[in-house]
Amino acid sequence: MSGAATAMTFAPDGRLFVCLQDGHLRVIDKGGVLLANPFVTLSVDSNGERGLLGVAFDPNFGSNHNVYVYYTVPGSPAHNRISRFTANGDVAVANSEFVLVDLDNLSGATNHNGGAIHFGPDGKLYAGVGENANGANAQSLSNRLGKILRINSDGTIPSDNPASFPGITGSTSGANRAIWAVGLRNPFTFAFQPGTTRLLINDVGQSTWEEINDGIAGSNYGWPAAEGPASPPNPNFRDPIFYYGHGSSSTTGCAIVGGAFYNPPVLQFPSSFVGKYFFADLCSGWIRVLDSSNNTASDFAGGISSPVDLHVGPDGALYYLTHGGGVFRVQATPSQAMNISTRARVETGDNVLIGGFIITGNAAKKVIIRAIGPSLSQHGLSDVLADPTLDLYDGNSALLQSNDNWQDDPSQASQISASGLAPSSNPESAIIATLQPGNYTAIVRGKNSGQGIALAEVYDLDPAADSQLGNISGRSYVQTNDDVMIGGFIIGNNIGA
C-alpha cells in the first residue's frame, strides 16, 4: 500500500487494520485484499516519528464496534491523542470520534512518541508513550511521557493504578494517575501473551542496548540512568529480561520493533514455537524468537526491509509489516517427505529397479527424479551401474518422460542445474516434472543391458505446495551383501514467506 506504515492489528473477525503515518487507517479483508477506502483518515502531524501510530479493538467489539487509535494532533504545540471510533462495516461512522486522552504537549523534537496500544486481559487499555527525546520525562511523575499508561475504555483512570514508583519522590495525581510504569525511552511496541497476564515491553535504546522488559505494574525501567541492565545494579530499576547491542549483524540492530507471542487458537507452526515471543529490528531487518522461560533468543528470518510490526494471525501464521507499507505472511508446512529413494542391483528383464511414489494433496508438485550409478562408487561401492536410464510412468502405465544422460536435453539440464540437485556424473539420468496428485513409477535400467548397483530417488522441489510426496516403494531382484535393497527418506519442515 502507498505510504509509510507504522503499526497493524487484527480485528476479532480476521480483518487486518494497518496504520499509515499520514493518518490513513487501511483495511485488508480476510481474503487478503486491500480495500479501496480507508476505515478513517485523520488530520495528523506526521513530522519525524509522529503520525497515526497505533490501533486496537475493544474486547467487546462484536457488540459495540469500537476501534481505538493513537495519533499526533497537529498544533503549536502538537500532542499525542488516544481516540475511539465506532465502526460501521469497513469504515468509521462519521463524526463518531470520542477523545479518551489528550497527552502532554510535545517539544519541537519529533521523535520518541511510542504509539502502541493494546487491551490487556483485565479489559483495560494500555498505551506506550515515548519521552519526547527528553530522558528526564521518563523519571518524572508530572507528565505521562516515557511511560506505560493504563486507562479504562472510556478514558477514565482505574483506581488500582500504582501511585508511586521506586526511585522517584512523590506520587501521581490528576491525569498522571494513568501512569502504570515509568523509566522508558520509546516503548514503540509491546504485547500481551494470550491467555495469561504476561506483558513484554520493547524499549528502543539510544546508543548501546535494545530491550525487552517484563511489564509489571509500578516498575521503573531506569531510563535515562540505565540503558540495558543497570550498571552498577540499582534496586529501584527493573532490568530487561533480554537485550541486544547496536550494530548491523544478525543479532544486533538499532531499533527493536514488533512483539508477538505465539499462542494462536490454531497452530500453524510446530508446537515448539508455542509460548515463544517474536521480535524484530527496524535497521538490521531480521526477526528473532525469544524463549522467555530462559531468556535466550534464536534466529528466525532475515533480509527484511525495515520491519515495524509483527502479529500472529488467527490462522496461526506470523505476519510482519514493513515501513514501506508491505504486509507479509510467514507460514509453515507440516513435516513431510522431502526425499524418498531406493537402492538395489539392476539387472535385465524383470530384474530392473522399480521405484514407486505417490503425490497426495490438492495441488501439483514439482519434483526431480534421479537415477544414480557411477557416483555411488564414492561411497565404497564397486559394482555400480555405469550408465543408468530413467523412465517415468503415471498410474495408468503411460510413459511421461525418459532420460539417458541428464545433460543431453538442454531445457531439462538448465532446470536440473538450477535445482542444485544435478547428478555428479553425466551418464546418470534425471527428470524434472510438475506432477498432479496421483501414483507414479520410476524405472531404472542399464543402457545396452548394463548391470550394477543403482539408486532411484525423488526430491520435493516445492515443499510449500498444498501437496505432499509420499509412499516409498521399490521392486528389484534382491541378493546378498551390497546387492540387497535399501530404502531411504528425508523428513523436513518448511517455514517460508
Protein backbone atom coordinates (compact mmCIF):
# COMPACT_ATOMS: atom_id res chain seq x y z
CA MET A 1 0.00 0.00 0.00
CA SER A 2 1.14 3.56 -0.58
CA GLY A 3 2.56 5.40 2.41
CA ALA A 4 4.82 4.82 5.40
CA ALA A 5 3.33 2.18 7.68
CA THR A 6 3.68 2.22 11.47
CA ALA A 7 1.52 -0.50 13.05
CA MET A 8 -1.13 -3.14 12.41
CA THR A 9 -3.65 -5.18 14.37
CA PHE A 10 -6.08 -7.96 13.54
CA ALA A 11 -9.74 -7.27 14.18
CA PRO A 12 -11.60 -10.02 16.06
CA ASP A 13 -13.28 -11.01 12.78
CA GLY A 14 -9.94 -11.57 10.99
CA ARG A 15 -9.60 -8.32 9.05
CA LEU A 16 -6.21 -6.61 9.30
CA PHE A 17 -6.08 -2.88 10.08
CA VAL A 18 -2.88 -1.05 9.10
CA CYS A 19 -1.83 2.40 10.35
CA LEU A 20 -0.16 4.74 7.86
CA GLN A 21 1.84 7.59 9.29
CA ASP A 22 -0.06 10.13 7.19
CA GLY A 23 -3.31 9.41 9.06
CA HIS A 24 -4.94 6.74 6.90
CA LEU A 25 -6.16 3.62 8.68
CA ARG A 26 -6.36 0.98 5.95
CA VAL A 27 -8.26 -2.31 5.97
CA ILE A 28 -7.20 -5.63 4.45
CA ASP A 29 -10.11 -8.05 4.26
CA LYS A 30 -9.99 -11.69 5.31
CA GLY A 31 -9.15 -12.67 1.74
CA GLY A 32 -6.00 -10.52 1.74
CA VAL A 33 -7.47 -7.71 -0.40
CA LEU A 34 -6.65 -4.10 0.46
CA LEU A 35 -9.93 -2.21 0.48
CA ALA A 36 -10.12 0.94 -1.62
CA ASN A 37 -11.46 3.19 1.14
CA PRO A 38 -9.67 3.75 4.45
CA PHE A 39 -11.52 2.99 7.67
CA VAL A 40 -10.81 6.59 8.68
CA THR A 41 -8.50 9.40 7.58
CA LEU A 42 -7.20 11.59 10.38
CA SER A 43 -5.60 15.01 10.29
CA VAL A 44 -2.20 14.32 11.84
CA ASP A 45 1.21 15.83 12.38
CA SER A 46 3.41 13.33 10.53
CA ASN A 47 6.75 15.05 11.00
CA GLY A 48 9.61 12.80 12.11
CA GLU A 49 8.17 9.84 14.00
CA ARG A 50 4.77 11.44 14.57
CA GLY A 51 1.52 10.45 12.89
CA LEU A 52 -1.01 7.63 13.20
CA LEU A 53 0.92 5.19 15.38
CA GLY A 54 -1.39 2.58 16.90
CA VAL A 55 -4.75 0.81 16.65
CA ALA A 56 -6.66 -1.54 18.97
CA PHE A 57 -10.08 -3.19 19.15
CA ASP A 58 -12.42 -3.17 22.10
CA PRO A 59 -12.72 -6.56 23.83
CA ASN A 60 -16.47 -6.24 23.15
CA PHE A 61 -16.01 -5.18 19.54
CA GLY A 62 -18.62 -7.68 18.37
CA SER A 63 -21.32 -5.72 20.19
CA ASN A 64 -20.02 -2.13 20.50
CA HIS A 65 -17.87 -1.93 17.30
CA ASN A 66 -15.32 0.36 18.99
CA VAL A 67 -11.90 0.94 17.41
CA TYR A 68 -9.16 2.86 19.23
CA VAL A 69 -6.29 4.84 17.68
CA TYR A 70 -3.19 6.68 18.89
CA TYR A 71 -2.13 9.65 16.76
CA THR A 72 -0.38 13.02 16.83
CA VAL A 73 -2.67 16.05 16.75
CA PRO A 74 -1.18 18.96 14.77
CA GLY A 75 -0.80 22.27 16.56
CA SER A 76 1.57 24.63 18.29
CA PRO A 77 2.49 22.69 20.25
CA ALA A 78 1.44 19.28 18.94
CA HIS A 79 0.38 16.46 21.24
CA ASN A 80 -0.50 12.78 21.02
CA ARG A 81 -4.07 11.58 21.49
CA ILE A 82 -5.96 8.35 22.08
CA SER A 83 -9.42 8.34 20.49
CA ARG A 84 -12.25 5.91 19.89
CA PHE A 85 -14.29 5.47 16.71
CA THR A 86 -17.38 3.39 16.03
CA ALA A 87 -17.18 1.02 13.07
CA ASN A 88 -19.91 0.55 10.51
CA GLY A 89 -18.63 -2.34 8.45
CA ASP A 90 -15.27 -1.37 6.96
CA VAL A 91 -15.49 2.37 7.68
CA ALA A 92 -15.89 4.55 10.75
CA VAL A 93 -19.22 6.18 11.46
CA ALA A 94 -18.96 9.84 10.51
CA ASN A 95 -18.28 12.15 13.46
CA SER A 96 -18.02 9.20 15.85
CA GLU A 97 -14.64 10.18 17.30
CA PHE A 98 -14.61 10.18 21.09
CA VAL A 99 -11.39 11.55 22.61
CA LEU A 100 -10.25 9.43 25.55
CA VAL A 101 -6.95 11.13 26.36
CA ASP A 102 -5.06 14.17 25.13
CA LEU A 103 -1.47 13.59 26.21
CA ASP A 104 1.18 16.13 27.20
CA ASN A 105 2.26 18.87 24.83
CA LEU A 106 5.31 17.95 22.79
CA SER A 107 8.52 19.89 22.32
CA GLY A 108 10.00 20.61 18.92
CA ALA A 109 11.60 17.15 18.91
CA THR A 110 9.54 14.93 16.62
CA ASN A 111 10.88 11.56 17.78
CA HIS A 112 10.17 9.15 20.66
CA ASN A 113 6.37 9.15 20.53
CA GLY A 114 5.74 5.48 21.34
CA GLY A 115 2.28 4.73 19.97
CA ALA A 116 1.42 1.10 20.69
CA ILE A 117 -2.00 0.50 22.27
CA HIS A 118 -3.42 -2.86 23.37
CA PHE A 119 -6.17 -4.09 25.64
CA GLY A 120 -4.92 -6.25 28.48
CA PRO A 121 -6.61 -9.35 29.87
CA ASP A 122 -8.10 -7.11 32.58
CA GLY A 123 -10.09 -5.19 29.96
CA LYS A 124 -8.02 -2.03 30.42
CA LEU A 125 -6.35 -0.12 27.58
CA TYR A 126 -2.56 0.11 27.81
CA ALA A 127 -0.52 2.67 25.85
CA GLY A 128 3.22 3.04 25.30
CA VAL A 129 4.30 6.71 25.32
CA GLY A 130 7.79 7.90 24.36
CA GLU A 131 9.72 10.50 26.36
CA ASN A 132 9.78 13.07 23.51
CA ALA A 133 13.61 12.90 23.26
CA ASN A 134 13.96 14.18 26.84
CA GLY A 135 15.16 11.46 29.19
CA ALA A 136 14.16 13.40 32.30
CA ASN A 137 10.49 12.95 31.36
CA ALA A 138 10.80 9.21 31.92
CA GLN A 139 11.62 9.78 35.62
CA SER A 140 9.02 12.48 36.25
CA LEU A 141 5.56 11.92 37.73
CA SER A 142 4.37 15.33 36.50
CA ASN A 143 3.87 14.14 32.89
CA ARG A 144 2.91 10.96 31.05
CA LEU A 145 5.94 10.83 28.73
CA GLY A 146 8.32 7.86 28.81
CA LYS A 147 5.69 5.66 30.43
CA ILE A 148 3.20 2.84 30.03
CA LEU A 149 -0.31 4.17 30.68
CA ARG A 150 -3.37 2.18 31.77
CA ILE A 151 -6.88 3.59 31.31
CA ASN A 152 -10.46 2.42 31.09
CA SER A 153 -12.14 2.07 27.71
CA ASP A 154 -13.93 5.40 28.26
CA GLY A 155 -10.71 7.27 29.10
CA THR A 156 -11.19 7.35 32.85
CA ILE A 157 -8.41 6.12 35.11
CA PRO A 158 -8.61 2.83 37.04
CA SER A 159 -8.47 3.33 40.78
CA ASP A 160 -5.98 0.47 41.22
CA ASN A 161 -3.20 2.03 39.15
CA PRO A 162 0.03 2.41 41.15
CA ALA A 163 0.59 5.92 42.54
CA SER A 164 4.27 5.71 43.45
CA PHE A 165 7.34 4.29 41.74
CA PRO A 166 10.72 3.16 43.11
CA GLY A 167 13.46 5.76 42.94
CA ILE A 168 11.08 8.69 42.35
CA THR A 169 9.92 11.02 45.10
CA GLY A 170 6.21 11.76 45.39
CA SER A 171 3.13 10.22 43.82
CA THR A 172 0.91 10.70 40.80
CA SER A 173 -2.21 12.85 40.76
CA GLY A 174 -4.84 14.04 38.32
CA ALA A 175 -4.34 12.92 34.72
CA ASN A 176 -0.97 11.43 35.67
CA ARG A 177 -2.77 8.74 37.68
CA ALA A 178 -2.92 6.95 34.31
CA ILE A 179 0.79 6.11 34.70
CA TRP A 180 1.31 2.36 35.18
CA ALA A 181 5.11 2.03 34.65
CA VAL A 182 7.95 4.54 34.22
CA GLY A 183 11.55 4.82 33.03
CA LEU A 184 11.09 4.06 29.33
CA ARG A 185 12.69 5.78 26.36
CA ASN A 186 10.48 4.83 23.41
CA PRO A 187 8.18 1.85 24.00
CA PHE A 188 7.09 1.75 20.37
CA THR A 189 5.72 -1.82 20.63
CA PHE A 190 4.62 -4.27 23.32
CA ALA A 191 2.46 -7.37 23.55
CA PHE A 192 0.33 -9.37 25.96
CA GLN A 193 0.60 -13.15 25.90
CA PRO A 194 -2.85 -14.58 25.06
CA GLY A 195 -4.43 -16.49 27.89
CA THR A 196 -2.10 -15.01 30.52
CA THR A 197 -1.35 -11.68 32.20
CA ARG A 198 2.21 -11.66 30.80
CA LEU A 199 3.26 -8.39 29.16
CA LEU A 200 6.54 -7.80 27.34
CA ILE A 201 7.60 -4.23 26.50
CA ASN A 202 10.07 -3.45 23.73
CA ASP A 203 12.04 -0.28 24.51
CA VAL A 204 14.15 1.34 21.79
CA GLY A 205 17.61 2.22 23.09
CA GLN A 206 19.84 5.18 22.37
CA SER A 207 23.41 4.11 21.70
CA THR A 208 24.03 0.78 23.39
CA TRP A 209 21.14 -1.63 24.04
CA GLU A 210 17.69 -2.58 22.75
CA GLU A 211 15.48 -4.01 25.49
CA ILE A 212 12.67 -6.48 26.14
CA ASN A 213 11.16 -5.87 29.56
CA ASP A 214 8.70 -7.72 31.76
CA GLY A 215 5.69 -5.41 32.07
CA ILE A 216 4.86 -5.22 35.77
CA ALA A 217 2.74 -2.55 37.45
CA GLY A 218 4.70 0.06 39.37
CA SER A 219 8.03 -0.72 37.71
CA ASN A 220 10.80 1.75 36.94
CA TYR A 221 12.84 0.58 33.95
CA GLY A 222 15.65 3.03 34.60
CA TRP A 223 15.90 5.31 31.57
CA PRO A 224 17.84 7.62 31.30
CA ALA A 225 20.04 6.44 34.20
CA ALA A 226 20.17 2.92 32.75
CA GLU A 227 20.12 1.56 29.23
CA GLY A 228 20.07 -2.22 29.31
CA PRO A 229 20.81 -3.68 32.75
CA ALA A 230 21.72 -1.04 35.32
CA SER A 231 25.46 -0.81 35.96
CA PRO A 232 26.11 -0.78 38.82
CA PRO A 233 22.92 -2.64 39.79
CA ASN A 234 20.16 -0.40 41.11
CA PRO A 235 17.44 -1.97 43.27
CA ASN A 236 14.99 0.72 42.10
CA PHE A 237 15.23 -0.36 38.47
CA ARG A 238 13.77 -3.42 36.79
CA ASP A 239 16.38 -4.76 34.37
CA PRO A 240 15.34 -6.12 30.94
CA ILE A 241 14.87 -9.86 30.60
CA PHE A 242 16.65 -9.70 27.23
CA TYR A 243 18.74 -7.07 25.48
CA TYR A 244 20.93 -6.87 22.39
CA GLY A 245 23.60 -4.45 21.25
CA HIS A 246 23.75 -1.92 18.48
CA GLY A 247 25.27 -2.96 15.16
CA SER A 248 24.36 -4.43 11.79
CA SER A 249 24.72 -8.18 12.32
CA SER A 250 22.11 -10.92 12.56
CA THR A 251 21.91 -10.41 16.33
CA THR A 252 22.40 -6.62 16.66
CA GLY A 253 20.47 -3.61 15.40
CA CYS A 254 19.28 -0.12 16.24
CA ALA A 255 15.54 -0.19 16.98
CA ILE A 256 13.53 -3.09 18.40
CA VAL A 257 10.03 -3.46 16.93
CA GLY A 258 7.26 -5.99 16.62
CA GLY A 259 6.46 -8.17 19.53
CA ALA A 260 4.10 -11.15 19.18
CA PHE A 261 3.62 -14.22 21.35
CA TYR A 262 2.95 -17.46 19.51
CA ASN A 263 -0.25 -18.63 21.23
CA PRO A 264 -2.79 -18.72 18.38
CA PRO A 265 -6.15 -20.51 18.51
CA VAL A 266 -4.92 -22.71 15.64
CA LEU A 267 -1.29 -23.84 15.37
CA GLN A 268 0.32 -23.22 12.01
CA PHE A 269 3.92 -23.53 13.23
CA PRO A 270 5.36 -26.57 15.04
CA SER A 271 4.35 -26.87 18.68
CA SER A 272 7.91 -25.98 19.72
CA PHE A 273 7.04 -22.34 18.93
CA VAL A 274 4.13 -22.18 21.38
CA GLY A 275 4.70 -19.51 24.02
CA LYS A 276 7.72 -18.04 22.21
CA TYR A 277 7.96 -14.30 21.54
CA PHE A 278 8.77 -12.95 18.08
CA PHE A 279 10.55 -9.59 17.80
CA ALA A 280 12.34 -7.72 15.02
CA ASP A 281 14.80 -4.92 14.36
CA LEU A 282 13.97 -2.00 12.09
CA CYS A 283 17.54 -1.40 10.92
CA SER A 284 19.04 -4.88 10.67
CA GLY A 285 15.92 -6.36 9.09
CA TRP A 286 15.72 -9.62 11.00
CA ILE A 287 13.13 -11.47 13.08
CA ARG A 288 14.23 -13.45 16.14
CA VAL A 289 12.41 -15.67 18.62
CA LEU A 290 12.71 -15.27 22.39
CA ASP A 291 12.20 -18.17 24.76
CA SER A 292 11.18 -16.20 27.84
CA SER A 293 11.47 -19.29 30.04
CA ASN A 294 15.26 -18.97 29.86
CA ASN A 295 15.58 -15.55 28.16
CA THR A 296 17.50 -16.81 25.15
CA ALA A 297 16.83 -15.85 21.53
CA SER A 298 17.34 -17.66 18.24
CA ASP A 299 17.33 -16.55 14.62
CA PHE A 300 14.12 -16.87 12.61
CA ALA A 301 14.31 -14.72 9.45
CA GLY A 302 16.50 -12.08 7.83
CA GLY A 303 16.79 -9.82 4.81
CA ILE A 304 13.61 -7.89 5.62
CA SER A 305 13.34 -4.26 4.57
CA SER A 306 12.57 -2.13 7.66
CA PRO A 307 10.08 -4.23 9.64
CA VAL A 308 7.93 -2.15 12.01
CA ASP A 309 5.37 -4.57 13.46
CA LEU A 310 4.65 -8.27 13.96
CA HIS A 311 1.44 -10.13 14.74
CA VAL A 312 0.32 -13.73 14.85
CA GLY A 313 -2.85 -14.08 12.80
CA PRO A 314 -5.97 -16.06 13.66
CA ASP A 315 -4.75 -18.65 11.15
CA GLY A 316 -1.60 -19.25 13.22
CA ALA A 317 0.76 -17.69 10.66
CA LEU A 318 3.17 -14.85 11.51
CA TYR A 319 2.53 -11.54 9.76
CA TYR A 320 5.04 -8.71 9.54
CA LEU A 321 4.63 -5.12 8.39
CA THR A 322 7.38 -3.09 6.71
CA HIS A 323 7.80 0.66 6.91
CA GLY A 324 7.24 0.79 3.15
CA GLY A 325 3.68 -0.50 3.59
CA GLY A 326 4.11 -4.18 2.76
CA VAL A 327 2.31 -6.89 4.74
CA PHE A 328 3.89 -10.35 4.57
CA ARG A 329 2.71 -13.74 5.83
CA VAL A 330 5.11 -16.39 7.13
CA GLN A 331 3.64 -19.87 7.23
CA ALA A 332 4.89 -23.36 7.99
CA THR A 333 4.15 -26.52 6.09
CA PRO A 334 3.78 -29.72 8.09
CA SER A 335 6.69 -32.12 8.35
CA GLN A 336 6.78 -34.07 5.13
CA ALA A 337 8.95 -36.24 2.97
CA MET A 338 11.50 -34.12 1.11
CA ASN A 339 13.28 -37.08 -0.49
CA ILE A 340 12.49 -40.75 -1.00
CA SER A 341 14.90 -43.25 -2.51
CA THR A 342 15.59 -46.92 -3.08
CA ARG A 343 18.92 -48.59 -3.88
CA ALA A 344 19.28 -52.04 -5.40
CA ARG A 345 21.08 -54.07 -8.02
CA VAL A 346 19.84 -53.53 -11.58
CA GLU A 347 19.89 -56.49 -13.93
CA THR A 348 17.86 -57.14 -17.08
CA GLY A 349 14.34 -58.24 -17.96
CA ASP A 350 12.08 -58.16 -14.91
CA ASN A 351 15.02 -57.58 -12.59
CA VAL A 352 15.35 -53.85 -13.20
CA LEU A 353 14.91 -51.30 -10.39
CA ILE A 354 11.35 -50.04 -9.99
CA GLY A 355 10.56 -47.22 -7.59
CA GLY A 356 7.03 -46.07 -6.81
CA PHE A 357 5.81 -42.90 -5.17
CA ILE A 358 2.54 -41.07 -4.56
CA ILE A 359 1.77 -37.36 -4.59
CA THR A 360 -1.08 -36.61 -2.20
CA GLY A 361 -2.99 -33.39 -1.58
CA ASN A 362 -4.75 -30.86 -3.76
CA ALA A 363 -2.05 -29.21 -5.86
CA ALA A 364 0.57 -30.11 -8.43
CA LYS A 365 4.03 -30.90 -7.09
CA LYS A 366 7.35 -30.12 -8.78
CA VAL A 367 9.87 -32.93 -8.30
CA ILE A 368 13.20 -34.14 -9.60
CA ILE A 369 13.68 -37.87 -10.17
CA ARG A 370 17.24 -39.16 -10.44
CA ALA A 371 18.88 -42.43 -11.50
CA ILE A 372 22.35 -42.58 -9.94
CA GLY A 373 25.07 -45.10 -10.77
CA PRO A 374 28.71 -44.06 -11.29
CA SER A 375 28.79 -41.58 -8.39
CA LEU A 376 27.87 -44.38 -5.94
CA SER A 377 31.49 -45.50 -6.20
CA GLN A 378 32.33 -42.53 -3.94
CA HIS A 379 30.56 -44.43 -1.16
CA GLY A 380 32.69 -47.55 -1.40
CA LEU A 381 30.59 -49.50 -3.90
CA SER A 382 32.47 -51.16 -6.73
CA ASP A 383 29.93 -52.87 -8.97
CA VAL A 384 27.85 -49.81 -9.87
CA LEU A 385 25.60 -49.31 -12.89
CA ALA A 386 27.77 -47.47 -15.41
CA ASP A 387 25.04 -45.84 -17.49
CA PRO A 388 21.56 -45.78 -15.91
CA THR A 389 18.50 -44.79 -17.93
CA LEU A 390 15.29 -43.44 -16.40
CA ASP A 391 11.64 -43.75 -17.41
CA LEU A 392 8.73 -42.07 -15.58
CA TYR A 393 5.21 -43.54 -15.80
CA ASP A 394 1.87 -42.39 -14.42
CA GLY A 395 -0.68 -44.54 -12.59
CA ASN A 396 -2.11 -45.78 -15.89
CA SER A 397 1.33 -47.03 -17.01
CA ALA A 398 1.59 -44.25 -19.59
CA LEU A 399 5.17 -43.13 -20.24
CA LEU A 400 5.53 -39.46 -19.27
CA GLN A 401 9.24 -38.79 -19.73
CA SER A 402 12.51 -40.60 -20.37
CA ASN A 403 16.13 -39.62 -19.90
CA ASP A 404 19.55 -41.04 -20.64
CA ASN A 405 22.40 -38.73 -19.56
CA TRP A 406 20.92 -35.76 -17.72
CA GLN A 407 22.76 -33.09 -19.74
CA ASP A 408 21.50 -34.25 -23.14
CA ASP A 409 18.26 -32.20 -23.06
CA PRO A 410 19.32 -28.51 -22.76
CA SER A 411 15.98 -27.30 -21.36
CA GLN A 412 15.89 -30.03 -18.72
CA ALA A 413 19.60 -29.66 -17.97
CA SER A 414 19.25 -25.96 -17.13
CA GLN A 415 16.39 -26.67 -14.69
CA ILE A 416 18.26 -29.58 -13.14
CA SER A 417 21.35 -27.44 -12.59
CA ALA A 418 19.27 -24.62 -11.12
CA SER A 419 17.70 -27.03 -8.61
CA GLY A 420 21.09 -27.69 -7.02
CA LEU A 421 20.48 -31.44 -7.40
CA ALA A 422 22.28 -32.16 -10.66
CA PRO A 423 23.90 -35.62 -10.73
CA SER A 424 27.68 -35.51 -10.40
CA SER A 425 28.24 -37.81 -13.37
CA ASN A 426 26.99 -37.09 -16.89
CA PRO A 427 25.92 -40.71 -17.67
CA GLU A 428 23.48 -40.52 -14.76
CA SER A 429 19.89 -39.57 -15.54
CA ALA A 430 17.44 -37.02 -14.14
CA ILE A 431 13.97 -35.70 -14.90
CA ILE A 432 12.27 -32.57 -13.59
CA ALA A 433 8.48 -32.71 -13.77
CA THR A 434 5.44 -30.99 -12.29
CA LEU A 435 3.04 -33.78 -11.39
CA GLN A 436 -0.61 -33.78 -10.37
CA PRO A 437 -1.63 -35.78 -7.28
CA GLY A 438 -1.56 -39.47 -8.12
CA ASN A 439 0.58 -42.61 -8.38
CA TYR A 440 3.88 -42.65 -10.28
CA THR A 441 6.56 -45.19 -11.13
CA ALA A 442 10.23 -44.62 -11.99
CA ILE A 443 12.11 -47.46 -13.70
CA VAL A 444 15.91 -47.60 -13.82
CA ARG A 445 17.57 -49.80 -16.43
CA GLY A 446 21.13 -50.24 -17.63
CA LYS A 447 21.89 -48.89 -21.10
CA ASN A 448 22.76 -51.68 -23.53
CA SER A 449 21.68 -54.26 -20.89
CA GLY A 450 24.25 -52.98 -18.40
CA GLN A 451 24.10 -54.28 -14.83
CA GLY A 452 25.16 -52.95 -11.43
CA ILE A 453 24.03 -51.15 -8.29
CA ALA A 454 21.88 -48.04 -8.82
CA LEU A 455 19.87 -45.54 -6.80
CA ALA A 456 16.42 -44.24 -7.78
CA GLU A 457 15.31 -41.16 -5.85
CA VAL A 458 12.71 -38.41 -5.87
CA TYR A 459 13.18 -34.92 -4.37
CA ASP A 460 10.39 -32.47 -3.49
CA LEU A 461 11.23 -29.13 -5.14
CA ASP A 462 8.09 -27.34 -3.94
CA PRO A 463 7.51 -28.16 -0.25
CA ALA A 464 5.21 -25.16 0.20
CA ALA A 465 2.65 -26.52 -2.29
CA ASP A 466 -0.61 -27.93 -0.96
CA SER A 467 0.54 -31.48 -1.68
CA GLN A 468 2.98 -33.99 -0.26
CA LEU A 469 5.47 -36.52 -1.53
CA GLY A 470 4.88 -39.93 -0.01
CA ASN A 471 4.83 -43.72 -0.16
CA ILE A 472 8.26 -45.02 -0.97
CA SER A 473 8.09 -48.42 -2.68
CA GLY A 474 10.67 -50.43 -4.54
CA ARG A 475 10.94 -53.64 -6.53
CA SER A 476 14.10 -55.36 -7.69
CA TYR A 477 16.00 -58.63 -7.62
CA VAL A 478 17.26 -58.84 -4.02
CA GLN A 479 20.56 -60.63 -3.49
CA THR A 480 23.18 -60.53 -0.71
CA ASN A 481 25.92 -58.22 0.58
CA ASP A 482 25.90 -54.93 -1.38
CA ASP A 483 23.13 -56.24 -3.64
CA VAL A 484 20.33 -56.01 -1.07
CA MET A 485 17.56 -53.42 -1.44
CA ILE A 486 17.86 -50.25 0.67
CA GLY A 487 15.11 -47.64 1.09
CA GLY A 488 15.78 -44.10 2.27
CA PHE A 489 13.79 -40.98 3.06
CA ILE A 490 14.29 -37.47 4.44
CA ILE A 491 11.66 -35.72 6.55
CA GLY A 492 11.74 -31.93 6.55
CA ASN A 493 9.79 -28.97 7.85
CA ASN A 494 9.45 -25.84 5.76
CA ILE A 495 8.73 -22.34 7.02
CA GLY A 496 8.58 -19.59 4.45
CA ALA A 497 7.02 -16.28 3.49
